[in-house]
Amino acid sequence: MKVLVINCGSSSLKYQLIDMENEAVLASGLVERIGIEGAKLTHKFNGEKFVTETEMKDHKVALTLVLDELTNNEHGAIKSLQEINAVGHRVVHGGEKFNKSVLVDDTVLKEIRECIDLAPLHNPANLMGIEAIQSLIPGVPNVVVFDTAFHQTMPAENYLYALPYEYYEKYKVRRYGFHGTSHNFVSQRAAEFLGKKREDLRIVTCHLGNGSSMAAVDHGKVIDTSMGLTPLEGVCMGTRCGDLDPAIVTFIMEKEGLTPKEMDNVMNKKSGVLALSGISSDFRDIEEVEDTNERARIALTQFANRVRKYVAGYAAQMGGVDAIVFTAGVGENSASMREAILSKLEFMGVKVDPEKNNMRGKEAIISTDDSTVTALVIPTNEELMIARDTKRLVEVK
């Protein structure tokens, strides 16, 4: 079975074609600046890149070009679209309606639309991708995999906010959590890597990148996660502020005369380590000058402190922890950040092995042999997780 995995953003589109017989990536690519001047498609096949620059007014045009590349006589991975057996789509928000991946039908599309208020930047683009594929490859089954689904096992005491209950009843204001596909993949893979069952472990997963979130996976189920109603809550991130005193929002709005939309832009696009460092939202840029720039040091230290606080808090909620898993861009590639986070958690039974930790982007245990809590790095693979769910659902259809 060959599964096409699609991840549509508001003006971008990532894709992978995966052969599920051996889970090999046959081709992949990225479309940028959809609906904007300077649109570009970068297609990867057999270790080579093939770039197409042309106007793409919408996602249907972009996906038409993607399908053309996949069937190209010279650098296509398949001879015809009939070789695509199913398509898996990432959808950011499933609200309370979805706690697992599902096959697409009219009811599912309607319910995804009803979640647009909860993810106005993401769900409309996700829908456009699904509808475009339905028109371009009619009859091929489509599956949606939700970022929020894995977190739907949280108990009410952890997903409800201490606000008037009517806001939850009327508007479903609650904690949802994100990066669920990644947390699901790495927690499962970490258990396999350790030769154990996820249902027997207490795991804290740390998805650390430009967007960052943590999750407490207690015997296979999420009981808490750091992101909330939106991806803004939690640790400070690349450009997101993370946790703050909510009164700050109205205080700054009144002082600066900002509209709600403008304040939202400040918190989502102008804050985080970008604001703290005054340098960049890219952790690599900040790490380069950490020793000579005080604001860079503050940004990185605050990030490590915030992550550590969540890790310790989740361990307390679960009555202990067996494994701490690092993943995503920063988690997989920054040995110094992993060490900074773990350095003050020795009281919990985890100690970093500097030699083991001196690595990037591969599966590895980074804690010492005598640690009672295992720290490890597991590169995330959300596309493969989506493809696996798609294969499973199509086969039982």
Protein backbone atom coordinates (compact mmCIF):
# COMPACT_ATOMS: atom_id res chain seq x y z
CA MET A 1 0.00 0.00 0.00
CA LYS A 2 1.22 3.49 -0.91
CA VAL A 3 -0.02 6.34 1.29
CA LEU A 4 0.30 10.03 0.44
CA VAL A 5 0.63 12.14 3.59
CA ILE A 6 -0.36 15.81 3.32
CA ASN A 7 0.11 18.63 5.84
CA CYS A 8 -1.49 21.86 4.65
CA GLY A 9 -0.68 25.21 6.23
CA SER A 10 -2.31 28.52 5.40
CA SER A 11 0.20 29.22 2.61
CA SER A 12 2.31 26.07 2.58
CA LEU A 13 2.02 22.33 2.00
CA LYS A 14 4.30 19.46 3.01
CA TYR A 15 3.94 15.97 1.59
CA GLN A 16 5.44 12.48 1.67
CA LEU A 17 4.62 9.40 -0.36
CA ILE A 18 5.27 6.32 1.79
CA ASP A 19 5.35 2.68 0.79
CA MET A 20 3.73 0.97 3.76
CA GLU A 21 5.20 -2.43 2.88
CA ASN A 22 8.52 -1.27 4.32
CA GLU A 23 7.59 2.27 5.50
CA ALA A 24 10.07 3.75 3.03
CA VAL A 25 9.64 7.37 1.88
CA LEU A 26 9.43 7.24 -1.91
CA ALA A 27 9.27 11.01 -2.41
CA SER A 28 8.65 14.14 -0.37
CA GLY A 29 8.43 17.87 -0.80
CA LEU A 30 7.37 21.31 0.27
CA VAL A 31 5.21 23.94 -1.41
CA GLU A 32 5.75 27.50 -0.18
CA ARG A 33 3.91 30.82 -0.61
CA ILE A 34 0.61 29.43 -1.91
CA GLY A 35 -1.53 32.39 -2.96
CA ILE A 36 1.47 34.72 -2.61
CA GLU A 37 3.94 36.03 -5.16
CA GLY A 38 7.04 33.86 -5.42
CA ALA A 39 5.39 30.46 -4.92
CA LYS A 40 7.75 27.50 -5.11
CA LEU A 41 7.58 23.69 -5.01
CA THR A 42 10.63 21.71 -3.90
CA HIS A 43 10.30 18.00 -4.73
CA LYS A 44 12.75 15.43 -3.34
CA PHE A 45 13.34 12.09 -5.03
CA ASN A 46 16.31 9.71 -4.84
CA GLY A 47 18.36 12.22 -2.87
CA GLU A 48 17.88 15.00 -5.43
CA LYS A 49 15.85 18.22 -5.31
CA PHE A 50 13.70 19.48 -8.16
CA VAL A 51 12.42 23.06 -7.84
CA THR A 52 9.40 24.52 -9.66
CA GLU A 53 8.64 28.23 -9.37
CA THR A 54 5.20 29.21 -10.62
CA GLU A 55 2.07 31.01 -9.49
CA MET A 56 -0.22 28.91 -7.26
CA LYS A 57 -3.45 30.70 -6.46
CA ASP A 58 -4.76 28.07 -4.05
CA HIS A 59 -4.15 24.63 -2.51
CA LYS A 60 -5.88 22.82 -5.37
CA VAL A 61 -3.39 24.27 -7.85
CA ALA A 62 -0.53 23.41 -5.48
CA LEU A 63 -1.70 19.82 -5.06
CA THR A 64 -2.16 19.45 -8.81
CA LEU A 65 1.52 20.32 -9.20
CA VAL A 66 2.47 17.91 -6.40
CA LEU A 67 0.63 15.06 -8.11
CA ASP A 68 2.30 15.99 -11.41
CA GLU A 69 5.71 15.75 -9.72
CA LEU A 70 4.89 12.39 -8.14
CA THR A 71 4.01 10.97 -11.58
CA ASN A 72 6.74 12.79 -13.53
CA ASN A 73 8.45 10.53 -16.08
CA GLU A 74 11.95 11.51 -14.94
CA HIS A 75 11.74 12.11 -11.19
CA GLY A 76 8.33 10.81 -10.17
CA ALA A 77 8.03 7.99 -7.64
CA ILE A 78 4.98 6.40 -9.32
CA LYS A 79 3.75 5.91 -12.86
CA SER A 80 0.14 6.91 -12.24
CA LEU A 81 -2.14 8.27 -9.52
CA GLN A 82 -3.82 4.86 -9.37
CA GLU A 83 -0.81 3.70 -7.33
CA ILE A 84 -1.86 5.99 -4.46
CA ASN A 85 -4.05 3.78 -2.29
CA ALA A 86 -4.98 6.32 0.39
CA VAL A 87 -4.27 9.86 1.56
CA GLY A 88 -3.63 10.86 5.16
CA HIS A 89 -4.16 14.45 6.27
CA ARG A 90 -2.95 16.30 9.35
CA VAL A 91 -5.75 18.35 10.91
CA VAL A 92 -4.76 20.63 13.78
CA HIS A 93 -7.97 20.80 15.81
CA GLY A 94 -10.59 18.14 16.37
CA GLY A 95 -12.07 19.74 19.49
CA GLU A 96 -13.89 17.29 21.74
CA LYS A 97 -15.44 15.55 18.75
CA PHE A 98 -12.43 13.41 17.85
CA ASN A 99 -10.23 11.32 20.13
CA LYS A 100 -8.79 9.23 17.30
CA SER A 101 -8.07 9.31 13.58
CA VAL A 102 -11.06 8.79 11.26
CA LEU A 103 -11.97 8.14 7.64
CA VAL A 104 -13.29 11.25 5.90
CA ASP A 105 -16.97 11.54 5.11
CA ASP A 106 -19.39 14.47 4.91
CA THR A 107 -20.08 14.37 8.65
CA VAL A 108 -16.37 14.50 9.50
CA LEU A 109 -15.87 17.48 7.17
CA LYS A 110 -18.81 19.28 8.78
CA GLU A 111 -17.41 18.71 12.27
CA ILE A 112 -13.94 19.90 11.26
CA ARG A 113 -15.57 23.10 9.97
CA GLU A 114 -17.29 23.52 13.33
CA CYS A 115 -13.84 23.54 14.98
CA ILE A 116 -12.60 26.46 12.86
CA ASP A 117 -13.22 28.94 15.70
CA LEU A 118 -10.71 26.96 17.78
CA ALA A 119 -8.03 26.95 15.04
CA PRO A 120 -8.88 29.74 12.56
CA LEU A 121 -5.41 29.75 10.97
CA HIS A 122 -5.05 26.00 10.53
CA ASN A 123 -8.35 24.11 10.11
CA PRO A 124 -9.46 26.04 6.98
CA ALA A 125 -6.17 25.15 5.25
CA ASN A 126 -6.46 21.53 6.37
CA LEU A 127 -9.97 21.41 4.89
CA MET A 128 -8.78 22.90 1.61
CA GLY A 129 -6.24 20.10 1.30
CA ILE A 130 -8.83 17.39 1.89
CA GLU A 131 -11.33 18.87 -0.56
CA ALA A 132 -8.65 19.40 -3.19
CA ILE A 133 -7.56 15.75 -3.00
CA GLN A 134 -11.17 14.59 -3.17
CA SER A 135 -11.59 16.42 -6.48
CA LEU A 136 -8.17 15.51 -7.90
CA ILE A 137 -8.15 11.81 -6.93
CA PRO A 138 -11.84 10.92 -6.60
CA GLY A 139 -12.62 7.62 -4.95
CA VAL A 140 -9.35 7.35 -3.02
CA PRO A 141 -10.01 7.03 0.74
CA ASN A 142 -8.94 9.99 2.88
CA VAL A 143 -8.05 9.81 6.57
CA VAL A 144 -7.66 12.70 9.02
CA VAL A 145 -5.25 12.55 11.95
CA PHE A 146 -5.80 15.23 14.60
CA ASP A 147 -3.10 17.06 16.55
CA THR A 148 -5.45 17.20 19.52
CA ALA A 149 -6.69 13.59 19.53
CA PHE A 150 -3.94 11.94 21.62
CA HIS A 151 -4.57 14.44 24.44
CA GLN A 152 -8.28 13.65 24.73
CA THR A 153 -7.58 11.17 27.55
CA MET A 154 -6.89 14.07 29.93
CA PRO A 155 -9.18 14.12 32.98
CA ALA A 156 -11.48 17.10 33.52
CA GLU A 157 -9.40 18.38 36.44
CA ASN A 158 -6.55 18.93 34.01
CA TYR A 159 -8.36 20.16 30.92
CA LEU A 160 -10.82 22.58 32.55
CA TYR A 161 -9.80 26.18 33.26
CA ALA A 162 -10.87 27.88 36.49
CA LEU A 163 -13.24 30.16 34.61
CA PRO A 164 -17.05 30.36 34.77
CA TYR A 165 -18.26 26.93 33.66
CA GLU A 166 -20.64 28.50 31.15
CA TYR A 167 -17.66 29.37 28.88
CA TYR A 168 -16.83 25.70 28.63
CA GLU A 169 -20.47 24.78 28.03
CA LYS A 170 -21.06 27.48 25.41
CA TYR A 171 -17.69 27.80 23.68
CA LYS A 172 -15.76 24.67 24.73
CA VAL A 173 -13.03 26.79 26.33
CA ARG A 174 -10.68 24.16 27.77
CA ARG A 175 -7.20 22.74 27.39
CA TYR A 176 -6.81 20.68 24.21
CA GLY A 177 -3.07 20.36 23.69
CA PHE A 178 -1.21 20.04 20.40
CA HIS A 179 1.67 18.11 18.79
CA GLY A 180 -0.37 15.04 19.75
CA THR A 181 0.78 12.98 16.78
CA SER A 182 4.40 13.61 17.78
CA HIS A 183 3.83 12.86 21.48
CA ASN A 184 2.03 9.67 20.50
CA PHE A 185 4.81 8.54 18.14
CA VAL A 186 7.79 9.25 20.40
CA SER A 187 6.22 7.85 23.57
CA GLN A 188 5.38 4.62 21.74
CA ARG A 189 8.79 4.44 20.08
CA ALA A 190 10.59 5.19 23.37
CA ALA A 191 8.85 2.25 25.02
CA GLU A 192 9.80 -0.03 22.11
CA PHE A 193 13.40 1.25 22.22
CA LEU A 194 13.56 0.37 25.92
CA GLY A 195 12.08 -3.06 25.26
CA LYS A 196 8.94 -2.32 27.28
CA LYS A 197 5.24 -1.66 26.82
CA ARG A 198 4.05 1.95 26.91
CA GLU A 199 1.21 0.83 29.15
CA ASP A 200 3.78 -0.08 31.83
CA LEU A 201 5.62 3.25 31.83
CA ARG A 202 5.31 6.81 33.10
CA ILE A 203 6.77 9.02 30.36
CA VAL A 204 7.29 12.77 30.00
CA THR A 205 7.61 13.70 26.33
CA CYS A 206 9.32 16.99 25.43
CA HIS A 207 8.57 18.21 21.89
CA LEU A 208 11.00 21.14 21.78
CA GLY A 209 11.35 23.38 18.75
CA ASN A 210 10.14 26.73 17.49
CA GLY A 211 6.84 25.49 18.90
CA SER A 212 7.25 23.47 22.09
CA SER A 213 5.01 21.35 24.28
CA MET A 214 5.31 18.71 26.98
CA ALA A 215 3.00 15.85 27.82
CA ALA A 216 2.61 13.47 30.75
CA VAL A 217 1.93 10.02 29.29
CA ASP A 218 0.85 7.85 32.20
CA HIS A 219 0.72 4.15 31.28
CA GLY A 220 -0.13 4.95 27.67
CA LYS A 221 -2.58 7.80 28.25
CA VAL A 222 -2.01 11.55 28.33
CA ILE A 223 -3.08 13.00 31.67
CA ASP A 224 -1.73 16.53 31.13
CA THR A 225 -0.03 18.66 28.49
CA SER A 226 1.43 22.15 28.40
CA MET A 227 -0.40 23.76 25.46
CA GLY A 228 -3.97 24.81 26.08
CA LEU A 229 -6.97 26.10 24.15
CA THR A 230 -4.39 27.25 21.60
CA PRO A 231 -0.68 26.51 21.07
CA LEU A 232 0.16 29.76 22.92
CA GLU A 233 0.15 28.31 26.43
CA GLY A 234 3.11 26.51 28.01
CA VAL A 235 6.83 27.25 27.82
CA CYS A 236 8.18 30.30 26.00
CA MET A 237 8.82 29.31 22.39
CA GLY A 238 10.39 30.79 19.26
CA THR A 239 7.95 33.69 19.00
CA ARG A 240 5.19 32.67 21.46
CA CYS A 241 5.15 34.05 24.99
CA GLY A 242 3.92 30.89 26.74
CA ASP A 243 2.58 31.14 30.30
CA LEU A 244 2.09 34.66 31.68
CA ASP A 245 -0.10 36.61 34.08
CA PRO A 246 -3.33 37.07 32.09
CA ALA A 247 -3.73 40.59 33.46
CA ILE A 248 -0.67 41.56 31.39
CA VAL A 249 -2.80 41.20 28.26
CA THR A 250 -5.37 43.86 29.14
CA PHE A 251 -2.69 46.05 30.77
CA ILE A 252 -0.62 46.25 27.56
CA MET A 253 -3.71 46.59 25.37
CA GLU A 254 -4.84 49.63 27.36
CA LYS A 255 -1.36 51.19 27.50
CA GLU A 256 -0.62 50.65 23.80
CA GLY A 257 -4.16 51.01 22.44
CA LEU A 258 -4.04 47.57 20.83
CA THR A 259 -6.97 45.63 19.41
CA PRO A 260 -7.46 41.96 20.39
CA LYS A 261 -6.06 40.89 17.02
CA GLU A 262 -2.99 43.10 17.45
CA MET A 263 -2.36 41.79 20.96
CA ASP A 264 -2.74 38.24 19.73
CA ASN A 265 -0.09 38.99 17.11
CA VAL A 266 2.26 40.33 19.81
CA MET A 267 1.92 37.17 21.90
CA ASN A 268 2.16 34.74 18.98
CA LYS A 269 4.62 36.43 16.60
CA LYS A 270 6.72 38.93 18.57
CA SER A 271 7.36 37.23 21.90
CA GLY A 272 9.18 34.12 23.15
CA VAL A 273 12.94 33.72 22.87
CA LEU A 274 12.86 36.24 20.00
CA ALA A 275 11.70 38.94 22.42
CA LEU A 276 13.90 37.82 25.30
CA SER A 277 17.09 37.57 23.26
CA GLY A 278 16.48 40.43 20.87
CA ILE A 279 18.35 38.32 18.32
CA SER A 280 16.30 35.57 16.72
CA SER A 281 13.55 33.01 17.15
CA ASP A 282 16.03 30.33 16.07
CA PHE A 283 17.66 28.66 19.07
CA ARG A 284 20.82 27.99 17.04
CA ASP A 285 21.40 31.70 16.50
CA ILE A 286 20.94 32.40 20.20
CA GLU A 287 23.23 29.56 21.30
CA GLU A 288 26.03 30.98 19.14
CA VAL A 289 26.22 34.17 21.25
CA GLU A 290 25.09 32.81 24.62
CA ASP A 291 28.53 33.28 26.22
CA THR A 292 28.86 36.94 25.23
CA ASN A 293 25.26 38.21 25.15
CA GLU A 294 23.37 38.46 28.45
CA ARG A 295 19.92 38.55 26.86
CA ALA A 296 20.74 35.42 24.87
CA ARG A 297 21.76 33.68 28.10
CA ILE A 298 18.51 34.79 29.78
CA ALA A 299 16.39 33.49 26.88
CA LEU A 300 17.98 30.05 26.87
CA THR A 301 18.03 29.77 30.66
CA GLN A 302 14.37 30.72 30.93
CA PHE A 303 13.43 28.15 28.31
CA ALA A 304 15.35 25.40 30.12
CA ASN A 305 13.84 26.44 33.48
CA ARG A 306 10.29 26.36 32.09
CA VAL A 307 10.74 22.93 30.50
CA ARG A 308 12.30 21.57 33.69
CA LYS A 309 9.38 22.88 35.74
CA TYR A 310 6.89 21.03 33.56
CA VAL A 311 8.94 17.82 33.64
CA ALA A 312 9.12 17.85 37.43
CA GLY A 313 5.45 18.78 37.74
CA TYR A 314 4.36 15.94 35.52
CA ALA A 315 6.53 13.50 37.45
CA ALA A 316 4.75 14.63 40.62
CA GLN A 317 1.34 14.13 38.99
CA MET A 318 2.22 10.60 37.88
CA GLY A 319 3.84 9.66 41.19
CA GLY A 320 7.21 9.29 39.50
CA VAL A 321 8.66 9.00 36.02
CA ASP A 322 10.39 6.19 34.16
CA ALA A 323 11.51 8.01 31.01
CA ILE A 324 12.03 11.56 29.76
CA VAL A 325 11.95 11.82 25.97
CA PHE A 326 13.36 14.67 23.87
CA THR A 327 12.22 15.25 20.31
CA ALA A 328 11.71 17.89 17.55
CA GLY A 329 14.26 20.41 16.29
CA VAL A 330 15.75 21.58 19.60
CA GLY A 331 15.09 18.38 21.52
CA GLU A 332 16.77 16.19 18.91
CA ASN A 333 19.69 18.45 18.02
CA SER A 334 20.74 20.62 20.96
CA ALA A 335 22.92 18.66 23.39
CA SER A 336 23.53 21.81 25.46
CA MET A 337 19.80 22.45 25.93
CA ARG A 338 19.12 18.84 26.91
CA GLU A 339 21.92 19.03 29.47
CA ALA A 340 20.67 22.37 30.80
CA ILE A 341 17.17 20.95 31.30
CA LEU A 342 18.31 17.74 32.99
CA SER A 343 21.19 19.18 35.03
CA LYS A 344 19.01 20.06 38.03
CA LEU A 345 16.82 16.96 37.90
CA GLU A 346 19.37 14.61 39.43
CA PHE A 347 17.24 14.50 42.60
CA MET A 348 14.66 12.62 40.48
CA GLY A 349 17.18 9.93 39.56
CA VAL A 350 18.32 11.12 36.13
CA LYS A 351 21.88 12.15 35.30
CA VAL A 352 23.22 13.15 31.90
CA ASP A 353 26.09 11.19 30.39
CA PRO A 354 28.05 13.91 28.48
CA GLU A 355 29.50 11.43 26.01
CA LYS A 356 26.15 9.79 25.21
CA ASN A 357 24.49 13.22 25.00
CA ASN A 358 27.02 14.47 22.44
CA MET A 359 24.88 13.54 19.44
CA ARG A 360 22.23 14.91 17.10
CA GLY A 361 19.11 13.56 15.47
CA LYS A 362 19.22 9.86 16.29
CA GLU A 363 17.66 7.46 18.77
CA ALA A 364 19.84 7.24 21.87
CA ILE A 365 19.80 6.99 25.65
CA ILE A 366 21.61 10.05 27.03
CA SER A 367 21.44 9.28 30.77
CA THR A 368 24.10 7.45 32.77
CA ASP A 369 23.85 3.70 33.28
CA ASP A 370 23.14 4.16 37.00
CA SER A 371 20.22 6.59 36.45
CA THR A 372 16.91 5.27 37.75
CA VAL A 373 15.08 7.51 35.25
CA THR A 374 16.05 7.06 31.60
CA ALA A 375 16.54 10.16 29.44
CA LEU A 376 16.53 9.54 25.71
CA VAL A 377 16.25 11.19 22.32
CA ILE A 378 13.68 9.90 19.84
CA PRO A 379 13.42 11.75 16.50
CA THR A 380 9.78 12.42 15.78
CA ASN A 381 8.07 11.18 12.64
CA GLU A 382 4.56 12.60 12.47
CA GLU A 383 4.23 11.72 8.78
CA LEU A 384 4.87 8.05 9.46
CA MET A 385 2.36 8.11 12.33
CA ILE A 386 -0.25 9.60 9.98
CA ALA A 387 0.56 6.99 7.32
CA ARG A 388 0.24 4.14 9.83
CA ASP A 389 -3.17 5.38 11.03
CA THR A 390 -4.28 5.80 7.42
CA LYS A 391 -3.24 2.27 6.49
CA ARG A 392 -4.94 0.81 9.56
CA LEU A 393 -8.25 2.57 8.94
CA VAL A 394 -8.34 1.84 5.22
CA GLU A 395 -7.62 -1.85 5.76
CA VAL A 396 -10.52 -2.25 8.22
CA LYS A 397 -12.91 -0.19 6.11
